[in-house]
Amino acid sequence: MTHVLYAGDSAIMFLMGLEGMEVFPMVDEIWDAGVYLKGALEDAGIEVTRMMSHIAYSDFPETAGEMAQYDAIILSDIGHDTLILYPGARRNQVPMGPNRLKEIVKYVENGGGLAYLGGYFTYQGHYGKGRWYGTPVAEILPVEILPLPDDRVETPEGAKPKVLNPDHPIMAGLPWDDPPIFLGYNKTKPRDEADLLATIGDAGDPFIACWQVGKGRVFAMTSDCAPHWAAGFVKWPHYGAFWAQVIRWLSEPKS
């Protein structure tokens, strides 16, 4: 059975109460936006190890060898600092630990698959807080992250992707003549050597791209797989079929 590690797409939501002179904070909920993608993949017979962002901070595999137990890794709306740093006493340990971003690159070069998805904390993201520009992972993406202070393109009016290669195994057999509508994406540049499968937005920005890196494969989508940007995507009848095709392409034997 194909086994995937899925990290990101979560938040711990806080409330701040004010009663007269008394101020009190409280945890309102732990929000797991990954239920859509996790459920779709499991329905397709794919085993998913789910790591919300606050868990990935400490528990994400530290070496390419540890990552090799997974056929593919999904990073979605998870910040650079969450994976590059370590919690607790390890923050002052010298050395702190393996550079997990470099280890992801090794994992892919050795034959692993990586799906890198958009959001407020991937690419550059919300006010640059994603901070993935210039990282080892950025160098293996089939799109180029731009050094912008904020690379989000919000499209509250809705943006439909334009498919350039409907016959690619990732895209094949799906009704792209009636695509889902997205509410935003991260602005990037295409790489000449990569397969640009779809564009989005008035400027025809990259939306879906993929390529081979060493013995492995990398898939990039510049929008999210969960609300709010993908609030329409998760309701698309072919959402599950699309993601199953992505994972199969990432996981199949490479030449």
C-alpha atoms as a PDB file:
ATOM      1  CA  MET A   1       0.000   0.000   0.000  1.00  0.00           C
ATOM      2  CA  THR A   2       1.209   3.515  -0.830  1.00  0.00           C
ATOM      3  CA  HIS A   3       2.135   5.418   2.350  1.00  0.00           C
ATOM      4  CA  VAL A   4       2.142   9.225   2.520  1.00  0.00           C
ATOM      5  CA  LEU A   5       3.295  11.686   5.183  1.00  0.00           C
ATOM      6  CA  TYR A   6       1.090  14.795   5.173  1.00  0.00           C
ATOM      7  CA  ALA A   7       2.299  17.802   7.197  1.00  0.00           C
ATOM      8  CA  GLY A   8       0.689  21.220   7.619  1.00  0.00           C
ATOM      9  CA  ASP A   9      -2.805  22.646   7.067  1.00  0.00           C
ATOM     10  CA  SER A  10      -3.615  23.248  10.738  1.00  0.00           C
ATOM     11  CA  ALA A  11      -3.728  25.890  13.444  1.00  0.00           C
ATOM     12  CA  ILE A  12      -4.333  26.246  17.168  1.00  0.00           C
ATOM     13  CA  MET A  13      -6.995  28.957  17.538  1.00  0.00           C
ATOM     14  CA  PHE A  14      -6.869  31.276  20.580  1.00  0.00           C
ATOM     15  CA  LEU A  15      -9.487  33.645  22.017  1.00  0.00           C
ATOM     16  CA  MET A  16      -8.744  36.665  24.177  1.00  0.00           C
ATOM     17  CA  GLY A  17     -11.447  37.606  26.661  1.00  0.00           C
ATOM     18  CA  LEU A  18     -11.805  40.988  28.364  1.00  0.00           C
ATOM     19  CA  GLU A  19     -14.138  41.344  31.360  1.00  0.00           C
ATOM     20  CA  GLY A  20     -13.680  44.734  32.916  1.00  0.00           C
ATOM     21  CA  MET A  21     -10.030  44.799  34.018  1.00  0.00           C
ATOM     22  CA  GLU A  22      -9.659  41.012  33.730  1.00  0.00           C
ATOM     23  CA  VAL A  23      -8.013  39.649  30.599  1.00  0.00           C
ATOM     24  CA  PHE A  24      -7.998  35.917  29.971  1.00  0.00           C
ATOM     25  CA  PRO A  25      -6.732  33.903  27.003  1.00  0.00           C
ATOM     26  CA  MET A  26      -8.107  30.497  26.080  1.00  0.00           C
ATOM     27  CA  VAL A  27      -7.567  27.849  23.437  1.00  0.00           C
ATOM     28  CA  ASP A  28     -10.707  27.811  21.320  1.00  0.00           C
ATOM     29  CA  GLU A  29      -9.975  24.856  19.036  1.00  0.00           C
ATOM     30  CA  ILE A  30      -7.307  22.880  17.245  1.00  0.00           C
ATOM     31  CA  TRP A  31      -8.260  23.363  13.606  1.00  0.00           C
ATOM     32  CA  ASP A  32      -7.306  20.557  11.248  1.00  0.00           C
ATOM     33  CA  ALA A  33      -7.893  21.678   7.675  1.00  0.00           C
ATOM     34  CA  GLY A  34      -6.202  18.505   6.436  1.00  0.00           C
ATOM     35  CA  VAL A  35      -9.324  16.389   6.888  1.00  0.00           C
ATOM     36  CA  TYR A  36     -10.292  16.970   3.235  1.00  0.00           C
ATOM     37  CA  LEU A  37      -7.112  15.710   1.632  1.00  0.00           C
ATOM     38  CA  LYS A  38      -6.520  12.978   4.209  1.00  0.00           C
ATOM     39  CA  GLY A  39     -10.029  11.634   3.729  1.00  0.00           C
ATOM     40  CA  ALA A  40      -9.806  11.748  -0.061  1.00  0.00           C
ATOM     41  CA  LEU A  41      -6.513   9.848  -0.100  1.00  0.00           C
ATOM     42  CA  GLU A  42      -7.700   7.231   2.358  1.00  0.00           C
ATOM     43  CA  ASP A  43     -10.840   6.714   0.270  1.00  0.00           C
ATOM     44  CA  ALA A  44      -8.478   5.949  -2.638  1.00  0.00           C
ATOM     45  CA  GLY A  45      -6.707   3.268  -0.591  1.00  0.00           C
ATOM     46  CA  ILE A  46      -3.650   5.387   0.283  1.00  0.00           C
ATOM     47  CA  GLU A  47      -2.285   5.202   3.829  1.00  0.00           C
ATOM     48  CA  VAL A  48      -1.794   8.658   5.360  1.00  0.00           C
ATOM     49  CA  THR A  49       0.320   9.611   8.370  1.00  0.00           C
ATOM     50  CA  ARG A  50      -1.062  12.994   9.388  1.00  0.00           C
ATOM     51  CA  MET A  51       1.069  15.615  11.148  1.00  0.00           C
ATOM     52  CA  MET A  52      -0.532  18.911  12.017  1.00  0.00           C
ATOM     53  CA  SER A  53       1.970  21.761  12.016  1.00  0.00           C
ATOM     54  CA  HIS A  54       2.489  21.930  15.790  1.00  0.00           C
ATOM     55  CA  ILE A  55       3.203  18.187  15.804  1.00  0.00           C
ATOM     56  CA  ALA A  56       5.499  18.342  12.762  1.00  0.00           C
ATOM     57  CA  TYR A  57       7.604  20.946  14.604  1.00  0.00           C
ATOM     58  CA  SER A  58       8.919  18.193  16.871  1.00  0.00           C
ATOM     59  CA  ASP A  59       8.000  14.926  15.140  1.00  0.00           C
ATOM     60  CA  PHE A  60       8.718  15.459  11.432  1.00  0.00           C
ATOM     61  CA  PRO A  61      11.408  12.954  10.334  1.00  0.00           C
ATOM     62  CA  GLU A  62      14.921  14.328  10.787  1.00  0.00           C
ATOM     63  CA  THR A  63      16.820  12.402   8.119  1.00  0.00           C
ATOM     64  CA  ALA A  64      16.306  11.189   4.566  1.00  0.00           C
ATOM     65  CA  GLY A  65      16.598   7.648   5.906  1.00  0.00           C
ATOM     66  CA  GLU A  66      13.666   8.194   8.260  1.00  0.00           C
ATOM     67  CA  MET A  67      11.650   9.820   5.465  1.00  0.00           C
ATOM     68  CA  ALA A  68      12.272   6.836   3.194  1.00  0.00           C
ATOM     69  CA  GLN A  69       9.491   4.870   4.922  1.00  0.00           C
ATOM     70  CA  TYR A  70       7.069   7.098   2.988  1.00  0.00           C
ATOM     71  CA  ASP A  71       6.406   6.886  -0.750  1.00  0.00           C
ATOM     72  CA  ALA A  72       5.604  10.601  -0.809  1.00  0.00           C
ATOM     73  CA  ILE A  73       5.626  13.622   1.497  1.00  0.00           C
ATOM     74  CA  ILE A  74       3.032  16.395   1.295  1.00  0.00           C
ATOM     75  CA  LEU A  75       3.912  19.861   2.610  1.00  0.00           C
ATOM     76  CA  SER A  76       0.933  22.212   2.617  1.00  0.00           C
ATOM     77  CA  ASP A  77       0.625  25.619   4.282  1.00  0.00           C
ATOM     78  CA  ILE A  78       3.470  24.927   6.717  1.00  0.00           C
ATOM     79  CA  GLY A  79       6.188  27.468   7.448  1.00  0.00           C
ATOM     80  CA  HIS A  80       9.930  27.197   6.901  1.00  0.00           C
ATOM     81  CA  ASP A  81      10.673  27.789  10.603  1.00  0.00           C
ATOM     82  CA  THR A  82       8.453  24.891  11.676  1.00  0.00           C
ATOM     83  CA  LEU A  83      10.692  22.420   9.861  1.00  0.00           C
ATOM     84  CA  ILE A  84      14.101  24.097  10.113  1.00  0.00           C
ATOM     85  CA  LEU A  85      14.040  24.646  13.907  1.00  0.00           C
ATOM     86  CA  TYR A  86      13.540  22.289  16.853  1.00  0.00           C
ATOM     87  CA  PRO A  87      11.482  22.854  20.024  1.00  0.00           C
ATOM     88  CA  GLY A  88      12.382  22.883  23.709  1.00  0.00           C
ATOM     89  CA  ALA A  89      15.933  22.435  24.925  1.00  0.00           C
ATOM     90  CA  ARG A  90      17.092  21.539  21.415  1.00  0.00           C
ATOM     91  CA  ARG A  91      16.820  25.200  20.368  1.00  0.00           C
ATOM     92  CA  ASN A  92      19.994  25.874  22.374  1.00  0.00           C
ATOM     93  CA  GLN A  93      21.710  22.592  21.590  1.00  0.00           C
ATOM     94  CA  VAL A  94      24.816  22.829  19.399  1.00  0.00           C
ATOM     95  CA  PRO A  95      24.336  21.467  16.827  1.00  0.00           C
ATOM     96  CA  MET A  96      20.550  21.654  17.066  1.00  0.00           C
ATOM     97  CA  GLY A  97      19.978  18.668  14.755  1.00  0.00           C
ATOM     98  CA  PRO A  98      19.841  17.726  11.079  1.00  0.00           C
ATOM     99  CA  ASN A  99      18.696  20.366   8.600  1.00  0.00           C
ATOM    100  CA  ARG A 100      15.371  18.796   7.705  1.00  0.00           C
ATOM    101  CA  LEU A 101      15.043  20.856   4.521  1.00  0.00           C
ATOM    102  CA  LYS A 102      18.336  19.475   3.201  1.00  0.00           C
ATOM    103  CA  GLU A 103      17.183  16.006   4.218  1.00  0.00           C
ATOM    104  CA  ILE A 104      13.963  16.421   2.218  1.00  0.00           C
ATOM    105  CA  VAL A 105      16.102  17.148  -0.845  1.00  0.00           C
ATOM    106  CA  LYS A 106      18.170  14.009  -0.220  1.00  0.00           C
ATOM    107  CA  TYR A 107      14.973  12.006   0.230  1.00  0.00           C
ATOM    108  CA  VAL A 108      13.711  13.148  -3.175  1.00  0.00           C
ATOM    109  CA  GLU A 109      17.056  12.622  -4.902  1.00  0.00           C
ATOM    110  CA  ASN A 110      17.086   9.073  -3.526  1.00  0.00           C
ATOM    111  CA  GLY A 111      13.690   8.306  -5.071  1.00  0.00           C
ATOM    112  CA  GLY A 112      11.029   9.869  -2.834  1.00  0.00           C
ATOM    113  CA  GLY A 113       8.107  11.973  -3.978  1.00  0.00           C
ATOM    114  CA  LEU A 114       7.324  15.504  -2.767  1.00  0.00           C
ATOM    115  CA  ALA A 115       4.050  17.401  -3.154  1.00  0.00           C
ATOM    116  CA  TYR A 116       4.498  21.063  -2.225  1.00  0.00           C
ATOM    117  CA  LEU A 117       1.237  23.015  -1.982  1.00  0.00           C
ATOM    118  CA  GLY A 118       0.412  26.677  -1.584  1.00  0.00           C
ATOM    119  CA  GLY A 119      -0.973  28.679   1.301  1.00  0.00           C
ATOM    120  CA  TYR A 120      -0.246  31.481   3.764  1.00  0.00           C
ATOM    121  CA  PHE A 121       2.887  29.728   5.050  1.00  0.00           C
ATOM    122  CA  THR A 122       4.312  28.040   1.972  1.00  0.00           C
ATOM    123  CA  TYR A 123       6.198  29.773  -0.836  1.00  0.00           C
ATOM    124  CA  GLN A 124       6.745  33.269   0.653  1.00  0.00           C
ATOM    125  CA  GLY A 125       3.209  33.523   1.941  1.00  0.00           C
ATOM    126  CA  HIS A 126       1.489  35.973   4.245  1.00  0.00           C
ATOM    127  CA  TYR A 127       3.807  38.978   4.676  1.00  0.00           C
ATOM    128  CA  GLY A 128       6.693  36.671   3.781  1.00  0.00           C
ATOM    129  CA  LYS A 129       6.157  34.543   6.904  1.00  0.00           C
ATOM    130  CA  GLY A 130       6.361  31.288   4.948  1.00  0.00           C
ATOM    131  CA  ARG A 131       9.954  32.234   4.090  1.00  0.00           C
ATOM    132  CA  TRP A 132      10.733  29.373   1.704  1.00  0.00           C
ATOM    133  CA  TYR A 133      12.638  31.534  -0.812  1.00  0.00           C
ATOM    134  CA  GLY A 134      16.289  30.508  -1.071  1.00  0.00           C
ATOM    135  CA  THR A 135      15.859  27.259   0.868  1.00  0.00           C
ATOM    136  CA  PRO A 136      17.095  23.842  -0.281  1.00  0.00           C
ATOM    137  CA  VAL A 137      13.488  22.783  -0.899  1.00  0.00           C
ATOM    138  CA  ALA A 138      12.891  25.859  -3.068  1.00  0.00           C
ATOM    139  CA  GLU A 139      15.739  24.760  -5.327  1.00  0.00           C
ATOM    140  CA  ILE A 140      14.021  21.463  -6.225  1.00  0.00           C
ATOM    141  CA  LEU A 141      10.557  22.896  -6.888  1.00  0.00           C
ATOM    142  CA  PRO A 142       9.371  22.947 -10.520  1.00  0.00           C
ATOM    143  CA  VAL A 143       8.382  26.599 -10.035  1.00  0.00           C
ATOM    144  CA  GLU A 144      10.568  29.453  -8.851  1.00  0.00           C
ATOM    145  CA  ILE A 145       9.644  31.140  -5.571  1.00  0.00           C
ATOM    146  CA  LEU A 146       9.847  34.927  -5.919  1.00  0.00           C
ATOM    147  CA  PRO A 147      11.634  37.111  -3.317  1.00  0.00           C
ATOM    148  CA  LEU A 148       8.485  39.121  -2.622  1.00  0.00           C
ATOM    149  CA  PRO A 149       7.474  40.569   0.757  1.00  0.00           C
ATOM    150  CA  ASP A 150       4.120  38.834   0.205  1.00  0.00           C
ATOM    151  CA  ASP A 151       3.470  36.570  -2.796  1.00  0.00           C
ATOM    152  CA  ARG A 152      -0.246  35.963  -2.221  1.00  0.00           C
ATOM    153  CA  VAL A 153      -2.685  36.701  -5.015  1.00  0.00           C
ATOM    154  CA  GLU A 154      -6.136  36.877  -3.469  1.00  0.00           C
ATOM    155  CA  THR A 155      -8.960  36.284  -5.949  1.00  0.00           C
ATOM    156  CA  PRO A 156     -12.237  36.722  -4.057  1.00  0.00           C
ATOM    157  CA  GLU A 157     -13.996  36.884  -7.437  1.00  0.00           C
ATOM    158  CA  GLY A 158     -12.720  33.362  -8.122  1.00  0.00           C
ATOM    159  CA  ALA A 159      -9.989  32.138 -10.470  1.00  0.00           C
ATOM    160  CA  LYS A 160     -10.187  29.065 -12.684  1.00  0.00           C
ATOM    161  CA  PRO A 161      -7.054  27.157 -13.678  1.00  0.00           C
ATOM    162  CA  LYS A 162      -6.259  26.759 -17.364  1.00  0.00           C
ATOM    163  CA  VAL A 163      -4.948  23.285 -18.127  1.00  0.00           C
ATOM    164  CA  LEU A 164      -2.099  23.138 -20.639  1.00  0.00           C
ATOM    165  CA  ASN A 165      -1.493  19.387 -20.692  1.00  0.00           C
ATOM    166  CA  PRO A 166      -4.699  17.406 -19.995  1.00  0.00           C
ATOM    167  CA  ASP A 167      -3.018  14.151 -21.047  1.00  0.00           C
ATOM    168  CA  HIS A 168      -0.368  14.126 -18.329  1.00  0.00           C
ATOM    169  CA  PRO A 169      -0.966  11.261 -15.834  1.00  0.00           C
ATOM    170  CA  ILE A 170      -1.684  13.798 -13.087  1.00  0.00           C
ATOM    171  CA  MET A 171      -4.393  15.510 -15.123  1.00  0.00           C
ATOM    172  CA  ALA A 172      -5.729  12.739 -17.369  1.00  0.00           C
ATOM    173  CA  GLY A 173      -9.373  11.712 -17.395  1.00  0.00           C
ATOM    174  CA  LEU A 174     -10.660  14.686 -15.382  1.00  0.00           C
ATOM    175  CA  PRO A 175     -13.165  17.263 -16.721  1.00  0.00           C
ATOM    176  CA  TRP A 176     -10.923  20.314 -16.886  1.00  0.00           C
ATOM    177  CA  ASP A 177     -13.424  22.056 -19.154  1.00  0.00           C
ATOM    178  CA  ASP A 178     -15.324  22.736 -15.909  1.00  0.00           C
ATOM    179  CA  PRO A 179     -12.543  23.252 -13.340  1.00  0.00           C
ATOM    180  CA  PRO A 180     -12.940  24.179  -9.677  1.00  0.00           C
ATOM    181  CA  ILE A 181     -12.724  27.834  -8.656  1.00  0.00           C
ATOM    182  CA  PHE A 182      -9.922  29.021  -6.339  1.00  0.00           C
ATOM    183  CA  LEU A 183      -9.937  32.056  -4.050  1.00  0.00           C
ATOM    184  CA  GLY A 184      -6.193  32.693  -4.184  1.00  0.00           C
ATOM    185  CA  TYR A 185      -2.719  31.366  -4.866  1.00  0.00           C
ATOM    186  CA  ASN A 186       0.992  32.126  -4.459  1.00  0.00           C
ATOM    187  CA  LYS A 187       2.656  33.966  -7.338  1.00  0.00           C
ATOM    188  CA  THR A 188       5.691  32.159  -8.810  1.00  0.00           C
ATOM    189  CA  LYS A 189       7.671  31.882 -12.036  1.00  0.00           C
ATOM    190  CA  PRO A 190       7.822  28.753 -14.213  1.00  0.00           C
ATOM    191  CA  ARG A 191      11.078  26.872 -14.653  1.00  0.00           C
ATOM    192  CA  ASP A 192      12.041  26.121 -18.245  1.00  0.00           C
ATOM    193  CA  GLU A 193      12.951  22.501 -17.550  1.00  0.00           C
ATOM    194  CA  ALA A 194       9.724  21.635 -15.689  1.00  0.00           C
ATOM    195  CA  ASP A 195       6.388  20.418 -17.031  1.00  0.00           C
ATOM    196  CA  LEU A 196       3.906  23.275 -16.550  1.00  0.00           C
ATOM    197  CA  LEU A 197       0.550  21.526 -16.496  1.00  0.00           C
ATOM    198  CA  ALA A 198      -1.769  24.435 -15.643  1.00  0.00           C
ATOM    199  CA  THR A 199      -1.797  28.196 -15.126  1.00  0.00           C
ATOM    200  CA  ILE A 200      -4.080  30.498 -13.139  1.00  0.00           C
ATOM    201  CA  GLY A 201      -4.967  34.166 -12.858  1.00  0.00           C
ATOM    202  CA  ASP A 202      -5.097  37.061 -15.286  1.00  0.00           C
ATOM    203  CA  ALA A 203      -1.311  36.941 -15.785  1.00  0.00           C
ATOM    204  CA  GLY A 204      -1.215  33.209 -16.508  1.00  0.00           C
ATOM    205  CA  ASP A 205       0.835  32.425 -13.412  1.00  0.00           C
ATOM    206  CA  PRO A 206       1.984  28.842 -12.740  1.00  0.00           C
ATOM    207  CA  PHE A 207      -0.643  26.710 -11.027  1.00  0.00           C
ATOM    208  CA  ILE A 208       0.461  23.075 -11.370  1.00  0.00           C
ATOM    209  CA  ALA A 209       3.964  21.941 -12.365  1.00  0.00           C
ATOM    210  CA  CYS A 210       6.088  18.843 -11.901  1.00  0.00           C
ATOM    211  CA  TRP A 211       9.456  17.337 -12.779  1.00  0.00           C
ATOM    212  CA  GLN A 212      11.974  14.692 -11.825  1.00  0.00           C
ATOM    213  CA  VAL A 213      14.794  15.436  -9.375  1.00  0.00           C
ATOM    214  CA  GLY A 214      17.458  12.754  -9.167  1.00  0.00           C
ATOM    215  CA  LYS A 215      15.606   9.480  -8.719  1.00  0.00           C
ATOM    216  CA  GLY A 216      12.525  11.195  -7.298  1.00  0.00           C
ATOM    217  CA  ARG A 217       9.700  13.450  -8.400  1.00  0.00           C
ATOM    218  CA  VAL A 218       8.331  16.790  -7.243  1.00  0.00           C
ATOM    219  CA  PHE A 219       4.814  18.187  -7.737  1.00  0.00           C
ATOM    220  CA  ALA A 220       3.955  21.806  -6.980  1.00  0.00           C
ATOM    221  CA  MET A 221       0.578  23.509  -6.820  1.00  0.00           C
ATOM    222  CA  THR A 222       0.457  27.203  -6.037  1.00  0.00           C
ATOM    223  CA  SER A 223      -2.938  27.121  -4.340  1.00  0.00           C
ATOM    224  CA  ASP A 224      -4.122  25.168  -1.330  1.00  0.00           C
ATOM    225  CA  CYS A 225      -5.891  21.835  -0.908  1.00  0.00           C
ATOM    226  CA  ALA A 226      -8.072  23.187   1.937  1.00  0.00           C
ATOM    227  CA  PRO A 227     -10.179  26.295   2.681  1.00  0.00           C
ATOM    228  CA  HIS A 228     -10.110  29.179   2.343  1.00  0.00           C
ATOM    229  CA  TRP A 229      -8.368  29.254  -1.050  1.00  0.00           C
ATOM    230  CA  ALA A 230      -9.639  25.768  -1.906  1.00  0.00           C
ATOM    231  CA  ALA A 231     -13.144  26.104  -0.443  1.00  0.00           C
ATOM    232  CA  GLY A 232     -14.545  25.309  -3.881  1.00  0.00           C
ATOM    233  CA  PHE A 233     -11.885  22.732  -4.743  1.00  0.00           C
ATOM    234  CA  VAL A 234     -12.707  20.449  -1.809  1.00  0.00           C
ATOM    235  CA  LYS A 235     -16.330  20.331  -3.050  1.00  0.00           C
ATOM    236  CA  TRP A 236     -15.316  19.456  -6.610  1.00  0.00           C
ATOM    237  CA  PRO A 237     -16.595  15.933  -7.405  1.00  0.00           C
ATOM    238  CA  HIS A 238     -13.179  14.968  -8.800  1.00  0.00           C
ATOM    239  CA  TYR A 239     -11.086  16.259  -5.886  1.00  0.00           C
ATOM    240  CA  GLY A 240     -10.265  12.771  -4.638  1.00  0.00           C
ATOM    241  CA  ALA A 241      -9.499  11.360  -8.074  1.00  0.00           C
ATOM    242  CA  PHE A 242      -7.109  14.233  -8.779  1.00  0.00           C
ATOM    243  CA  TRP A 243      -5.114  13.757  -5.571  1.00  0.00           C
ATOM    244  CA  ALA A 244      -4.966  10.001  -6.035  1.00  0.00           C
ATOM    245  CA  GLN A 245      -3.397  10.597  -9.452  1.00  0.00           C
ATOM    246  CA  VAL A 246      -0.882  13.042  -7.965  1.00  0.00           C
ATOM    247  CA  ILE A 247       0.243  10.520  -5.354  1.00  0.00           C
ATOM    248  CA  ARG A 248       0.398   7.648  -7.835  1.00  0.00           C
ATOM    249  CA  TRP A 249       2.584   9.730 -10.154  1.00  0.00           C
ATOM    250  CA  LEU A 250       4.889  10.717  -7.289  1.00  0.00           C
ATOM    251  CA  SER A 251       5.118   7.143  -6.022  1.00  0.00           C
ATOM    252  CA  GLU A 252       5.494   5.080  -9.179  1.00  0.00           C
ATOM    253  CA  PRO A 253       8.919   3.658 -10.073  1.00  0.00           C
ATOM    254  CA  LYS A 254      11.155   6.237 -11.777  1.00  0.00           C
ATOM    255  CA  SER A 255      13.358   5.542 -14.778  1.00  0.00           C
END
